[in-house]
Amino acid sequence: MFDPMIPPAQAADASGPLLLAVGHHSSEVRVTSLHHHARGQLLGAAQGLLSVDAANTRWVVPASYAIWLPPDVPHGLRSHGPFSGWSVYVAASACAELPSEPCVLVVSSLLREAVARASTWGADGLDEPQTRLGAVILDEIHLSPHAALGLQMPQDIRLLKVAQALCEQPGDERRLEEWAEWVDIAPRTLTRRFIAETGFTFTEWRQRVRVLKALELLATGRSVKATALDLGYDNVSAFIAMFRRLLGVTPGRY
């Protein structure tokens, strides 16, 4: 059942207040199917982790980060564990200076506190102090650093089948040649098209799938060793090195 964070009519209203902010907490996992609305949306997790599908990319959004979704971009999400999060819906007219493509942003303390204040406002027009704080929120969205927590999905139906299988089972250790045979494609063609459609080699893409899955597992409290084994690593040190190379920190520090 679709449980919108604000009434669909408000999300679909491209005009109305400059922005609408809301917090939402539930004891249940939150899953929303693909949908879109006329307002841009900044979506963050207060704790835990979110997986978001948008613009042919799968994004992982830990707490202290948020994903920006421009107006009318189809998107869906899943929380890993009970959902605790917040969202800011921005009028389309105020999105011109904001990112034109979905992206994960590092959330500053200023942005987090400003959103918390804005979530106490009503849905009517903003008064002068609220308008000034709304402008601060927009500035923070515009200036926030981007984080490399998304993974482009290939569009070729054969490569997409491989990619979806790896997303479901990142620990699958089949070699590139075996994957190519599974979808009836030449290994060289699979290699070439993976680079052309995702920007990564097959090996690099699979490593990133494993890192994103590792974030999900670690967010549930799973140990580093158990996570490494789940993802097909016999050598925990190799998993830690890969995680650190891609994210800049060890999984234990994360």
Protein backbone atom coordinates (compact mmCIF):
# COMPACT_ATOMS: atom_id res chain seq x y z
CA MET A 1 0.00 0.00 0.00
CA PHE A 2 1.38 3.43 -0.98
CA ASP A 3 1.72 5.66 2.06
CA PRO A 4 2.79 9.14 0.87
CA MET A 5 4.70 11.39 3.24
CA ILE A 6 2.48 14.34 2.22
CA PRO A 7 -0.92 14.30 0.47
CA PRO A 8 -0.45 13.47 -3.24
CA ALA A 9 -2.27 16.67 -4.22
CA GLN A 10 0.39 18.74 -2.44
CA ALA A 11 3.27 16.80 -4.01
CA ALA A 12 1.64 17.24 -7.42
CA ASP A 13 1.16 20.98 -6.93
CA ALA A 14 4.07 22.70 -8.68
CA SER A 15 3.08 26.02 -7.14
CA GLY A 16 1.90 26.50 -3.56
CA PRO A 17 4.46 27.12 -0.77
CA LEU A 18 8.13 27.39 -1.72
CA LEU A 19 8.78 24.16 0.18
CA LEU A 20 7.06 21.62 2.38
CA ALA A 21 9.07 19.66 4.95
CA VAL A 22 7.95 16.58 6.85
CA GLY A 23 9.37 13.91 9.14
CA HIS A 24 8.05 10.35 9.15
CA HIS A 25 8.76 7.54 11.61
CA SER A 26 7.42 4.00 11.50
CA SER A 27 8.11 0.70 13.21
CA GLU A 28 7.80 -1.01 9.82
CA VAL A 29 9.93 -1.26 6.70
CA ARG A 30 8.90 1.38 4.17
CA VAL A 31 8.53 0.39 0.51
CA THR A 32 7.18 2.71 -2.19
CA SER A 33 6.79 1.73 -5.82
CA LEU A 34 7.90 3.95 -8.69
CA HIS A 35 6.03 7.26 -8.75
CA HIS A 36 6.73 10.89 -9.57
CA HIS A 37 5.45 14.35 -8.70
CA ALA A 38 5.76 17.92 -9.88
CA ARG A 39 7.81 19.03 -6.89
CA GLY A 40 11.49 18.30 -6.40
CA GLN A 41 12.23 16.18 -3.34
CA LEU A 42 15.13 15.93 -0.91
CA LEU A 43 14.82 12.64 0.99
CA GLY A 44 16.98 11.57 3.92
CA ALA A 45 17.20 8.89 6.57
CA ALA A 46 17.30 9.96 10.21
CA GLN A 47 18.77 6.55 10.99
CA GLY A 48 19.44 3.35 9.11
CA LEU A 49 19.66 3.13 5.35
CA LEU A 50 17.50 3.69 2.27
CA SER A 51 17.77 2.14 -1.19
CA VAL A 52 16.33 4.38 -3.90
CA ASP A 53 15.79 3.59 -7.58
CA ALA A 54 15.70 6.67 -9.82
CA ALA A 55 16.79 7.55 -13.35
CA ASN A 56 18.07 4.02 -14.14
CA THR A 57 20.34 4.19 -11.10
CA ARG A 58 20.22 2.43 -7.76
CA TRP A 59 21.24 4.71 -4.89
CA VAL A 60 22.09 3.84 -1.30
CA VAL A 61 21.40 6.63 1.21
CA PRO A 62 22.84 6.22 4.73
CA ALA A 63 21.94 8.50 7.62
CA SER A 64 23.75 11.88 7.32
CA TYR A 65 23.14 11.79 3.56
CA ALA A 66 20.09 12.62 1.44
CA ILE A 67 19.06 12.05 -2.16
CA TRP A 68 17.88 14.90 -4.34
CA LEU A 69 15.16 14.03 -6.88
CA PRO A 70 14.31 16.75 -9.44
CA PRO A 71 10.66 17.33 -10.38
CA ASP A 72 8.90 14.57 -12.33
CA VAL A 73 11.70 11.97 -11.95
CA PRO A 74 10.18 8.51 -11.33
CA HIS A 75 11.54 7.00 -8.13
CA GLY A 76 10.85 4.31 -5.54
CA LEU A 77 12.50 3.35 -2.27
CA ARG A 78 12.96 0.72 0.38
CA SER A 79 14.15 1.20 3.95
CA HIS A 80 16.39 -1.38 5.55
CA GLY A 81 14.69 -1.85 8.86
CA PRO A 82 11.98 0.41 10.33
CA PHE A 83 11.74 3.72 8.49
CA SER A 84 12.85 6.92 10.16
CA GLY A 85 13.35 9.77 7.75
CA TRP A 86 12.47 13.20 6.49
CA SER A 87 11.69 14.89 3.22
CA VAL A 88 11.58 18.36 1.70
CA TYR A 89 9.31 18.99 -1.31
CA VAL A 90 10.42 22.01 -3.35
CA ALA A 91 8.18 23.95 -5.75
CA ALA A 92 9.26 23.41 -9.36
CA SER A 93 9.80 27.16 -9.78
CA ALA A 94 12.50 27.04 -7.07
CA CYS A 95 14.42 24.10 -8.58
CA ALA A 96 16.21 25.94 -11.40
CA GLU A 97 19.41 26.40 -9.38
CA LEU A 98 19.30 22.91 -7.86
CA PRO A 99 20.85 19.77 -9.40
CA SER A 100 19.15 18.75 -12.65
CA GLU A 101 19.80 15.03 -12.10
CA PRO A 102 19.24 12.78 -9.07
CA CYS A 103 22.23 12.73 -6.71
CA VAL A 104 23.18 11.85 -3.16
CA LEU A 105 24.25 14.81 -1.02
CA VAL A 106 26.17 15.11 2.23
CA VAL A 107 23.80 16.72 4.73
CA SER A 108 25.23 19.49 6.88
CA SER A 109 24.12 20.13 10.45
CA LEU A 110 22.68 23.44 9.26
CA LEU A 111 20.53 21.76 6.62
CA ARG A 112 19.34 19.08 9.05
CA GLU A 113 18.31 21.60 11.69
CA ALA A 114 16.68 23.92 9.16
CA VAL A 115 14.60 21.03 7.79
CA ALA A 116 13.60 20.03 11.32
CA ARG A 117 12.34 23.58 11.90
CA ALA A 118 10.53 23.68 8.55
CA SER A 119 8.76 20.40 9.34
CA THR A 120 6.84 22.22 12.10
CA TRP A 121 5.28 24.67 9.62
CA GLY A 122 1.81 24.29 8.19
CA ALA A 123 1.02 23.78 4.51
CA ASP A 124 -0.09 27.38 3.96
CA GLY A 125 2.03 30.14 2.49
CA LEU A 126 5.30 31.04 4.24
CA ASP A 127 5.70 34.21 6.27
CA GLU A 128 8.82 36.37 6.00
CA PRO A 129 11.05 34.51 8.53
CA GLN A 130 9.97 31.16 7.05
CA THR A 131 10.79 32.39 3.54
CA ARG A 132 14.29 33.37 4.69
CA LEU A 133 14.87 29.95 6.27
CA GLY A 134 13.46 28.30 3.14
CA ALA A 135 16.07 30.17 1.10
CA VAL A 136 18.78 28.80 3.44
CA ILE A 137 17.53 25.26 2.82
CA LEU A 138 17.66 25.80 -0.95
CA ASP A 139 21.17 27.25 -0.67
CA GLU A 140 22.31 24.24 1.35
CA ILE A 141 20.88 21.81 -1.23
CA HIS A 142 22.68 23.76 -3.96
CA LEU A 143 26.02 23.83 -2.09
CA SER A 144 26.06 20.36 -0.50
CA PRO A 145 28.87 18.06 -1.72
CA HIS A 146 27.85 15.10 -3.84
CA ALA A 147 28.58 11.53 -2.68
CA ALA A 148 29.36 8.60 -5.00
CA LEU A 149 26.66 6.28 -3.66
CA GLY A 150 24.80 5.51 -6.88
CA LEU A 151 25.27 2.81 -9.48
CA GLN A 152 24.09 3.15 -13.08
CA MET A 153 22.10 0.18 -14.34
CA PRO A 154 22.77 -0.97 -17.94
CA GLN A 155 19.96 -0.68 -20.49
CA ASP A 156 20.78 -3.61 -22.77
CA ILE A 157 18.26 -6.27 -21.75
CA ARG A 158 20.97 -8.96 -21.50
CA LEU A 159 23.28 -6.83 -19.36
CA LEU A 160 20.34 -5.69 -17.24
CA LYS A 161 19.51 -9.33 -16.50
CA VAL A 162 23.07 -9.85 -15.25
CA ALA A 163 23.01 -6.61 -13.25
CA GLN A 164 19.70 -7.44 -11.56
CA ALA A 165 20.96 -10.92 -10.65
CA LEU A 166 24.06 -9.40 -9.05
CA CYS A 167 21.97 -6.85 -7.16
CA GLU A 168 19.97 -9.74 -5.71
CA GLN A 169 23.02 -11.91 -5.01
CA PRO A 170 26.21 -9.78 -4.96
CA GLY A 171 28.17 -12.76 -3.64
CA ASP A 172 27.58 -14.76 -6.84
CA GLU A 173 31.11 -15.71 -7.92
CA ARG A 174 30.45 -16.64 -11.55
CA ARG A 175 33.19 -15.40 -13.87
CA LEU A 176 32.49 -12.90 -16.64
CA GLU A 177 32.56 -15.71 -19.22
CA GLU A 178 29.91 -17.63 -17.30
CA TRP A 179 27.65 -14.59 -17.06
CA ALA A 180 28.08 -13.98 -20.78
CA GLU A 181 27.11 -17.56 -21.56
CA TRP A 182 24.07 -17.26 -19.23
CA VAL A 183 22.63 -14.39 -21.28
CA ASP A 184 23.94 -15.61 -24.66
CA ILE A 185 26.35 -12.77 -25.39
CA ALA A 186 30.02 -12.77 -26.36
CA PRO A 187 32.32 -12.00 -23.39
CA ARG A 188 34.00 -9.18 -25.31
CA THR A 189 30.62 -7.66 -26.14
CA LEU A 190 29.53 -7.86 -22.50
CA THR A 191 32.77 -6.19 -21.43
CA ARG A 192 32.50 -3.42 -24.02
CA ARG A 193 28.84 -2.69 -23.41
CA PHE A 194 29.19 -2.62 -19.62
CA ILE A 195 31.74 0.16 -19.95
CA ALA A 196 29.65 2.03 -22.53
CA GLU A 197 26.40 1.81 -20.53
CA THR A 198 27.60 2.15 -16.91
CA GLY A 199 31.01 3.83 -17.10
CA PHE A 200 32.61 0.86 -15.30
CA THR A 201 34.14 -2.43 -16.31
CA PHE A 202 32.16 -5.51 -15.29
CA THR A 203 34.58 -6.15 -12.39
CA GLU A 204 34.39 -2.54 -11.17
CA TRP A 205 30.61 -2.56 -11.41
CA ARG A 206 30.36 -5.79 -9.41
CA GLN A 207 32.68 -4.36 -6.74
CA ARG A 208 30.40 -1.36 -6.36
CA VAL A 209 27.33 -3.57 -6.09
CA ARG A 210 29.07 -5.38 -3.25
CA VAL A 211 29.95 -2.13 -1.48
CA LEU A 212 26.36 -0.89 -1.69
CA LYS A 213 25.10 -4.23 -0.40
CA ALA A 214 27.71 -4.08 2.36
CA LEU A 215 26.28 -0.74 3.48
CA GLU A 216 22.85 -2.35 3.73
CA LEU A 217 24.15 -5.31 5.74
CA LEU A 218 26.29 -3.20 8.07
CA ALA A 219 23.30 -0.93 8.72
CA THR A 220 21.42 -3.95 10.12
CA GLY A 221 24.23 -4.62 12.60
CA ARG A 222 25.88 -7.46 10.69
CA SER A 223 29.57 -7.87 11.51
CA VAL A 224 32.31 -6.95 9.03
CA LYS A 225 33.44 -10.59 8.82
CA ALA A 226 29.93 -11.94 8.21
CA THR A 227 29.30 -9.21 5.61
CA ALA A 228 32.51 -10.09 3.78
CA LEU A 229 31.55 -13.78 3.69
CA ASP A 230 28.01 -12.97 2.51
CA LEU A 231 29.51 -11.03 -0.40
CA GLY A 232 31.77 -13.85 -1.55
CA TYR A 233 35.04 -12.79 0.08
CA ASP A 234 37.10 -15.58 1.64
CA ASN A 235 39.67 -13.00 2.73
CA VAL A 236 38.19 -10.35 5.03
CA SER A 237 41.25 -8.13 4.53
CA ALA A 238 40.53 -8.02 0.78
CA PHE A 239 36.96 -6.91 1.47
CA ILE A 240 38.14 -4.19 3.88
CA ALA A 241 40.69 -2.94 1.32
CA MET A 242 38.06 -2.80 -1.43
CA PHE A 243 35.56 -0.99 0.81
CA ARG A 244 38.18 1.54 1.91
CA ARG A 245 39.36 2.15 -1.66
CA LEU A 246 35.83 2.94 -2.88
CA LEU A 247 34.43 4.82 0.14
CA GLY A 248 37.52 6.19 1.84
CA VAL A 249 36.85 4.54 5.21
CA THR A 250 36.99 1.00 6.57
CA PRO A 251 33.70 -0.84 7.09
CA GLY A 252 34.38 -0.92 10.83
CA ARG A 253 34.69 2.87 10.96
CA TYR A 254 31.54 3.21 8.82
